[in-house]
Amino acid sequence: MPELPEVETVRRGLEPAMEGERFVKVDVRRGDLRWPLPKDFAQRLKGKTVTGLGRRAKYLLADLSSGDVLVMHLGMSGSFHVFHEKGKHLGRYYHDRSKHVAHDHVVFHMSSGASVTFNDPRRFGSMKLVARDKLDAEPLLKGLGPEPLGNEFDAAMLARACHGKKTSLKAALLDQRVVAGLGNIYVCEALYCGRLSPKRQASTIAGRNGESNERAERLVEAIKAVLQAAIKAGGSSLRDHRQTDGDLGMFQHDFQVYDREGEPCRTPGCKGIVKRIVQNGRSTFYCPICQK
C-alpha cells in the first residue's frame, strides 16, 4: 500500500493540473471501488473548482468551491495519471496505459485541459465527498495521529504517545493513532536510521513520567529524514506505485534494510547481517547488531 511519501508525491503531481481548476466533466466508469461512489458523484463535482489540494496521512484532500472535500485514498494498487494531450506523456519510465484501460475507473476532465485518470486494478481505493465543516468528525480521519513532517511532531509528542505501551516499537509506529502515514517500509528504514530495534518495547523511548529521552529524539529525527529523502526520490516503486507522469519512484534503490535480508549491514564498521522477522503479520528488516 502506498505510504506517506508516495501519496505526497502524487499530491504534488496532481496540484498543477487540478488546483485552481474546474471539473468540466467527470466520467465514472466503475463506481464500486472499496465503497460505492455516491450516485450523484459526477454531478456534485461538475463545475466546481478545486480551491486547494492537500494531504492528511495517506489521504488526498481536494477542497471544492461547493464547500465539500473530495477525500481520496489510493488503496493497494490505485494510481493517478495526468494526460495533457492525447498521446503525450511525460516521464522516463512511462508504461503502456492501453493495456490497463479496463482499470481506469474515474476520469476527471479539468478546465486546465488535463484529464486525470484514477486506475485501480484491485479496487481497494476510495473516493468520498465530505462537507468541509464535518471533516473533523469524518470516521476515516478522526482518529489519525499527528503528521510526522509537521512542526508539532517532536520527541516529546512521540514519547507521550508511546508512554506505557507494552507493544513493540515497530507496532507502535505502525499505529496510525500514534503517528499518521507511516507504513511498513518507512518504519523499518526509520528504525534502522535511528539505530533502534523494532523489537524494543515502545515505552522505552519515554521516561517514567512520559518525558522524551535520547531514543525519542533520535527516532523523530530519523523519521523526518527518511520521509523527506523518500519524497525527494518520488517515493518507492515496488509493485504498483507510479508518479502522475508515469515515472517510477526511485527510493527503493536507497533502502538501507528493507527487503535486504541476508545482506551486510551498511553501517560503517558494523559486521551485522540484515535479518527478517515477522511482527504482527508484517515483515520486519533490521540489523540485530547495531539496532538496539
Protein backbone atom coordinates (compact mmCIF):
# COMPACT_ATOMS: atom_id res chain seq x y z
CA MET A 1 0.00 0.00 0.00
CA PRO A 2 1.35 3.47 -0.81
CA GLU A 3 2.69 5.24 2.25
CA LEU A 4 3.06 8.93 3.04
CA PRO A 5 5.91 9.68 0.58
CA GLU A 6 4.07 8.05 -2.33
CA VAL A 7 0.83 9.90 -1.53
CA GLU A 8 2.65 13.21 -1.14
CA THR A 9 4.40 12.61 -4.46
CA VAL A 10 1.02 12.02 -6.11
CA ARG A 11 -0.40 15.17 -4.50
CA ARG A 12 2.43 17.27 -5.89
CA GLY A 13 1.90 15.74 -9.32
CA LEU A 14 -1.84 16.45 -9.30
CA GLU A 15 -1.52 20.01 -8.00
CA PRO A 16 -0.61 21.76 -11.29
CA ALA A 17 -3.43 20.04 -13.17
CA MET A 18 -6.16 20.36 -10.54
CA GLU A 19 -5.62 23.16 -8.04
CA GLY A 20 -7.48 26.29 -9.09
CA GLU A 21 -9.19 24.41 -11.94
CA ARG A 22 -12.80 23.37 -12.55
CA PHE A 23 -14.20 19.91 -13.17
CA VAL A 24 -15.52 20.24 -16.73
CA LYS A 25 -16.69 16.64 -16.86
CA VAL A 26 -16.36 13.56 -14.66
CA ASP A 27 -16.52 10.07 -16.17
CA VAL A 28 -17.42 7.36 -13.69
CA ARG A 29 -16.66 4.13 -15.50
CA ARG A 30 -16.98 1.95 -12.44
CA GLY A 31 -18.48 3.14 -9.20
CA ASP A 32 -17.86 0.11 -7.00
CA LEU A 33 -14.42 0.85 -5.58
CA ARG A 34 -13.70 -0.09 -1.98
CA TRP A 35 -17.04 1.56 -1.24
CA PRO A 36 -19.65 2.58 -3.83
CA LEU A 37 -19.33 6.13 -5.07
CA PRO A 38 -22.32 8.41 -4.36
CA LYS A 39 -24.91 8.11 -7.13
CA ASP A 40 -24.64 11.85 -7.78
CA PHE A 41 -20.83 11.86 -7.57
CA ALA A 42 -20.20 13.25 -11.07
CA GLN A 43 -22.97 15.84 -10.78
CA ARG A 44 -21.69 17.14 -7.45
CA LEU A 45 -18.21 17.66 -8.92
CA LYS A 46 -19.11 19.11 -12.32
CA GLY A 47 -18.50 22.86 -12.49
CA LYS A 48 -16.85 23.00 -9.08
CA THR A 49 -13.35 24.42 -8.59
CA VAL A 50 -10.57 22.75 -6.64
CA THR A 51 -9.59 25.53 -4.25
CA GLY A 52 -6.83 23.53 -2.57
CA LEU A 53 -5.20 20.12 -2.77
CA GLY A 54 -3.84 18.74 0.46
CA ARG A 55 -2.94 15.51 2.18
CA ARG A 56 -3.77 14.00 5.57
CA ALA A 57 -1.75 10.88 6.33
CA LYS A 58 -2.38 8.60 3.30
CA TYR A 59 -5.47 10.51 2.13
CA LEU A 60 -5.62 13.14 -0.60
CA LEU A 61 -7.97 16.04 0.18
CA ALA A 62 -9.34 18.28 -2.57
CA ASP A 63 -11.18 21.31 -1.21
CA LEU A 64 -14.04 22.30 -3.52
CA SER A 65 -15.80 25.59 -4.15
CA SER A 66 -19.06 23.90 -3.12
CA GLY A 67 -17.87 23.54 0.47
CA ASP A 68 -17.29 19.81 0.07
CA VAL A 69 -13.96 17.99 0.31
CA LEU A 70 -13.14 15.18 -2.07
CA VAL A 71 -11.38 12.57 0.10
CA MET A 72 -9.34 10.08 -1.96
CA HIS A 73 -7.32 7.02 -1.00
CA LEU A 74 -5.10 5.00 -3.35
CA GLY A 75 -5.73 1.68 -1.62
CA MET A 76 -3.39 -1.18 -2.51
CA SER A 77 -2.92 -0.55 -6.23
CA GLY A 78 -4.51 2.79 -7.08
CA SER A 79 -2.71 5.45 -9.10
CA PHE A 80 -3.48 8.78 -10.75
CA HIS A 81 -2.15 9.69 -14.18
CA VAL A 82 -2.27 13.14 -15.74
CA PHE A 83 -2.66 13.35 -19.52
CA HIS A 84 -2.13 16.79 -21.03
CA GLU A 85 -2.51 15.94 -24.70
CA LYS A 86 -3.62 12.82 -26.50
CA GLY A 87 -0.64 10.55 -26.93
CA LYS A 88 1.70 12.82 -24.98
CA HIS A 89 3.08 11.52 -21.68
CA LEU A 90 5.95 12.78 -19.65
CA GLY A 91 8.23 10.55 -17.60
CA ARG A 92 11.26 8.42 -18.23
CA TYR A 93 9.52 5.23 -17.14
CA TYR A 94 6.07 5.71 -18.60
CA HIS A 95 4.33 2.34 -19.02
CA ASP A 96 1.80 1.43 -21.68
CA ARG A 97 -1.56 2.53 -20.34
CA SER A 98 -3.57 0.95 -23.17
CA LYS A 99 -3.11 -2.46 -21.53
CA HIS A 100 -4.79 -1.25 -18.35
CA VAL A 101 -7.77 0.81 -19.54
CA ALA A 102 -10.19 -1.69 -18.00
CA HIS A 103 -8.97 -0.46 -14.63
CA ASP A 104 -9.42 3.26 -15.42
CA HIS A 105 -12.42 3.74 -13.13
CA VAL A 106 -12.75 7.54 -12.80
CA VAL A 107 -11.60 10.30 -15.15
CA PHE A 108 -11.59 13.98 -14.18
CA HIS A 109 -11.62 16.38 -17.16
CA MET A 110 -10.23 19.65 -15.83
CA SER A 111 -10.50 23.20 -17.14
CA SER A 112 -6.68 23.18 -17.35
CA GLY A 113 -7.10 20.90 -20.37
CA ALA A 114 -5.73 17.95 -18.44
CA SER A 115 -7.53 14.70 -17.84
CA VAL A 116 -6.76 12.98 -14.56
CA THR A 117 -7.37 9.23 -14.57
CA PHE A 118 -7.71 7.05 -11.50
CA ASN A 119 -6.59 3.49 -12.24
CA ASP A 120 -7.03 0.75 -9.65
CA PRO A 121 -6.79 -2.95 -10.62
CA ARG A 122 -7.65 -4.27 -7.15
CA ARG A 123 -10.32 -1.65 -6.39
CA PHE A 124 -9.28 -1.06 -2.78
CA GLY A 125 -9.04 2.67 -3.45
CA SER A 126 -11.84 5.02 -2.46
CA MET A 127 -13.37 8.43 -3.09
CA LYS A 128 -15.81 10.19 -0.84
CA LEU A 129 -17.38 13.65 -0.65
CA VAL A 130 -17.49 15.14 2.84
CA ALA A 131 -18.76 18.56 3.90
CA ARG A 132 -15.81 20.71 5.00
CA ASP A 133 -17.47 21.61 8.31
CA LYS A 134 -17.87 17.89 9.09
CA LEU A 135 -14.36 16.82 8.09
CA ASP A 136 -13.05 16.70 11.66
CA ALA A 137 -15.75 14.17 12.52
CA GLU A 138 -15.19 12.04 9.41
CA PRO A 139 -14.51 8.46 10.62
CA LEU A 140 -11.70 7.95 8.08
CA LEU A 141 -9.74 10.89 9.50
CA LYS A 142 -10.97 11.41 13.05
CA GLY A 143 -8.60 9.08 14.89
CA LEU A 144 -5.41 9.88 13.00
CA GLY A 145 -2.33 10.93 14.91
CA PRO A 146 0.00 13.84 14.09
CA GLU A 147 1.65 14.34 10.72
CA PRO A 148 5.27 13.18 11.04
CA LEU A 149 6.56 16.07 8.92
CA GLY A 150 4.52 18.68 10.77
CA ASN A 151 6.13 21.21 13.09
CA GLU A 152 4.21 19.90 16.09
CA PHE A 153 5.56 16.37 15.74
CA ASP A 154 8.56 16.14 18.01
CA ALA A 155 10.22 13.82 20.50
CA ALA A 156 8.01 14.99 23.36
CA MET A 157 4.84 14.22 21.39
CA LEU A 158 6.05 10.78 20.31
CA ALA A 159 7.20 9.91 23.83
CA ARG A 160 3.81 10.82 25.26
CA ALA A 161 2.08 8.65 22.66
CA CYS A 162 4.32 5.67 23.48
CA HIS A 163 4.35 6.13 27.25
CA GLY A 164 3.21 2.95 28.96
CA LYS A 165 2.81 0.99 25.71
CA LYS A 166 3.87 -2.65 26.02
CA THR A 167 3.77 -3.27 22.27
CA SER A 168 6.91 -3.32 20.17
CA LEU A 169 8.27 -0.04 18.87
CA LYS A 170 7.59 -1.26 15.33
CA ALA A 171 3.92 -1.90 16.13
CA ALA A 172 3.56 1.48 17.84
CA LEU A 173 4.90 3.37 14.82
CA LEU A 174 2.51 1.50 12.51
CA ASP A 175 -0.43 2.56 14.70
CA GLN A 176 -1.98 5.46 12.80
CA ARG A 177 -3.22 6.92 16.09
CA VAL A 178 0.37 7.36 17.26
CA VAL A 179 1.70 8.93 14.06
CA ALA A 180 -0.15 9.20 10.75
CA GLY A 181 1.03 8.00 7.37
CA LEU A 182 3.85 5.63 8.26
CA GLY A 183 3.80 2.12 6.79
CA ASN A 184 5.99 -0.94 6.90
CA ILE A 185 8.75 0.27 4.57
CA TYR A 186 9.44 3.61 6.22
CA VAL A 187 9.10 2.31 9.77
CA CYS A 188 11.82 -0.28 9.01
CA GLU A 189 14.02 2.37 7.43
CA ALA A 190 13.47 4.92 10.22
CA LEU A 191 14.24 2.42 12.97
CA TYR A 192 17.46 1.50 11.18
CA CYS A 193 18.39 5.14 10.74
CA GLY A 194 17.66 5.78 14.43
CA ARG A 195 19.63 2.64 15.48
CA LEU A 196 16.65 1.26 17.42
CA SER A 197 15.48 -2.33 17.43
CA PRO A 198 11.98 -2.95 16.06
CA LYS A 199 11.56 -5.45 18.93
CA ARG A 200 12.23 -2.81 21.61
CA GLN A 201 9.23 -2.08 23.85
CA ALA A 202 7.63 1.19 22.73
CA SER A 203 7.54 2.63 26.25
CA THR A 204 11.36 2.70 26.40
CA ILE A 205 11.53 5.87 24.32
CA ALA A 206 9.81 7.70 27.19
CA GLY A 207 10.81 8.38 30.78
CA ARG A 208 8.84 7.37 33.85
CA ASN A 209 6.55 10.39 33.53
CA GLY A 210 6.24 10.25 29.75
CA GLU A 211 9.01 12.72 29.03
CA SER A 212 11.15 12.16 25.94
CA ASN A 213 14.61 10.67 26.09
CA GLU A 214 17.55 10.41 23.72
CA ARG A 215 15.97 7.47 21.90
CA ALA A 216 12.85 9.50 21.12
CA GLU A 217 14.99 12.37 19.83
CA ARG A 218 16.93 10.03 17.52
CA LEU A 219 13.78 8.36 16.27
CA VAL A 220 11.94 11.57 15.38
CA GLU A 221 14.98 12.87 13.52
CA ALA A 222 15.22 9.56 11.66
CA ILE A 223 11.52 9.51 10.71
CA LYS A 224 11.68 13.01 9.30
CA ALA A 225 14.93 12.38 7.43
CA VAL A 226 13.74 9.13 5.84
CA LEU A 227 10.40 10.60 4.76
CA GLN A 228 11.98 13.73 3.30
CA ALA A 229 14.51 11.66 1.35
CA ALA A 230 11.76 9.37 0.05
CA ILE A 231 9.60 12.28 -1.11
CA LYS A 232 12.59 13.82 -2.88
CA ALA A 233 13.09 10.49 -4.69
CA GLY A 234 9.42 10.30 -5.71
CA GLY A 235 8.57 7.53 -3.27
CA SER A 236 9.24 3.81 -3.62
CA SER A 237 8.04 1.69 -6.54
CA LEU A 238 7.89 -1.97 -5.55
CA ARG A 239 4.80 -3.09 -7.43
CA ASP A 240 2.11 -0.55 -8.30
CA HIS A 241 3.29 2.95 -7.43
CA ARG A 242 3.82 5.39 -10.29
CA GLN A 243 4.04 9.16 -10.21
CA THR A 244 1.33 11.08 -12.05
CA ASP A 245 3.52 11.46 -15.15
CA GLY A 246 4.26 7.75 -15.27
CA ASP A 247 7.69 7.91 -13.61
CA LEU A 248 8.66 5.25 -11.14
CA GLY A 249 9.59 6.32 -7.64
CA MET A 250 13.29 5.72 -7.03
CA PHE A 251 13.70 5.46 -3.25
CA GLN A 252 13.76 1.64 -3.37
CA HIS A 253 17.33 1.98 -4.62
CA ASP A 254 18.23 3.72 -1.34
CA PHE A 255 16.74 1.17 1.06
CA GLN A 256 19.16 0.50 3.89
CA VAL A 257 17.45 -2.58 5.34
CA TYR A 258 14.02 -3.09 3.80
CA ASP A 259 13.93 -6.20 1.57
CA ARG A 260 17.68 -6.72 2.09
CA GLU A 261 17.56 -9.93 4.14
CA GLY A 262 20.93 -11.69 4.27
CA GLU A 263 22.93 -8.70 3.04
CA PRO A 264 25.66 -6.97 5.07
CA CYS A 265 24.61 -4.05 7.27
CA ARG A 266 25.53 -0.76 5.62
CA THR A 267 26.57 0.93 8.85
CA PRO A 268 30.33 1.60 8.61
CA GLY A 269 32.22 -0.81 10.86
CA CYS A 270 29.19 -2.99 11.61
CA LYS A 271 29.60 -6.68 10.81
CA GLY A 272 25.89 -7.44 11.14
CA ILE A 273 23.74 -9.16 8.55
CA VAL A 274 20.25 -7.83 7.80
CA LYS A 275 17.65 -10.12 9.33
CA ARG A 276 13.98 -10.61 8.52
CA ILE A 277 11.42 -11.40 11.20
CA VAL A 278 7.62 -11.30 11.21
CA GLN A 279 5.83 -8.92 13.59
CA ASN A 280 2.06 -8.71 13.65
CA GLY A 281 1.92 -10.43 10.29
CA ARG A 282 4.32 -7.97 8.63
CA SER A 283 7.92 -8.49 7.54
CA THR A 284 10.46 -6.52 9.54
CA PHE A 285 14.02 -6.00 8.28
CA TYR A 286 16.72 -4.85 10.69
CA CYS A 287 20.32 -5.26 11.79
CA PRO A 288 20.47 -7.20 15.07
CA ILE A 289 23.95 -5.83 15.78
CA CYS A 290 23.63 -2.06 15.52
CA GLN A 291 19.91 -1.69 16.23
CA LYS A 292 19.41 -1.99 19.98
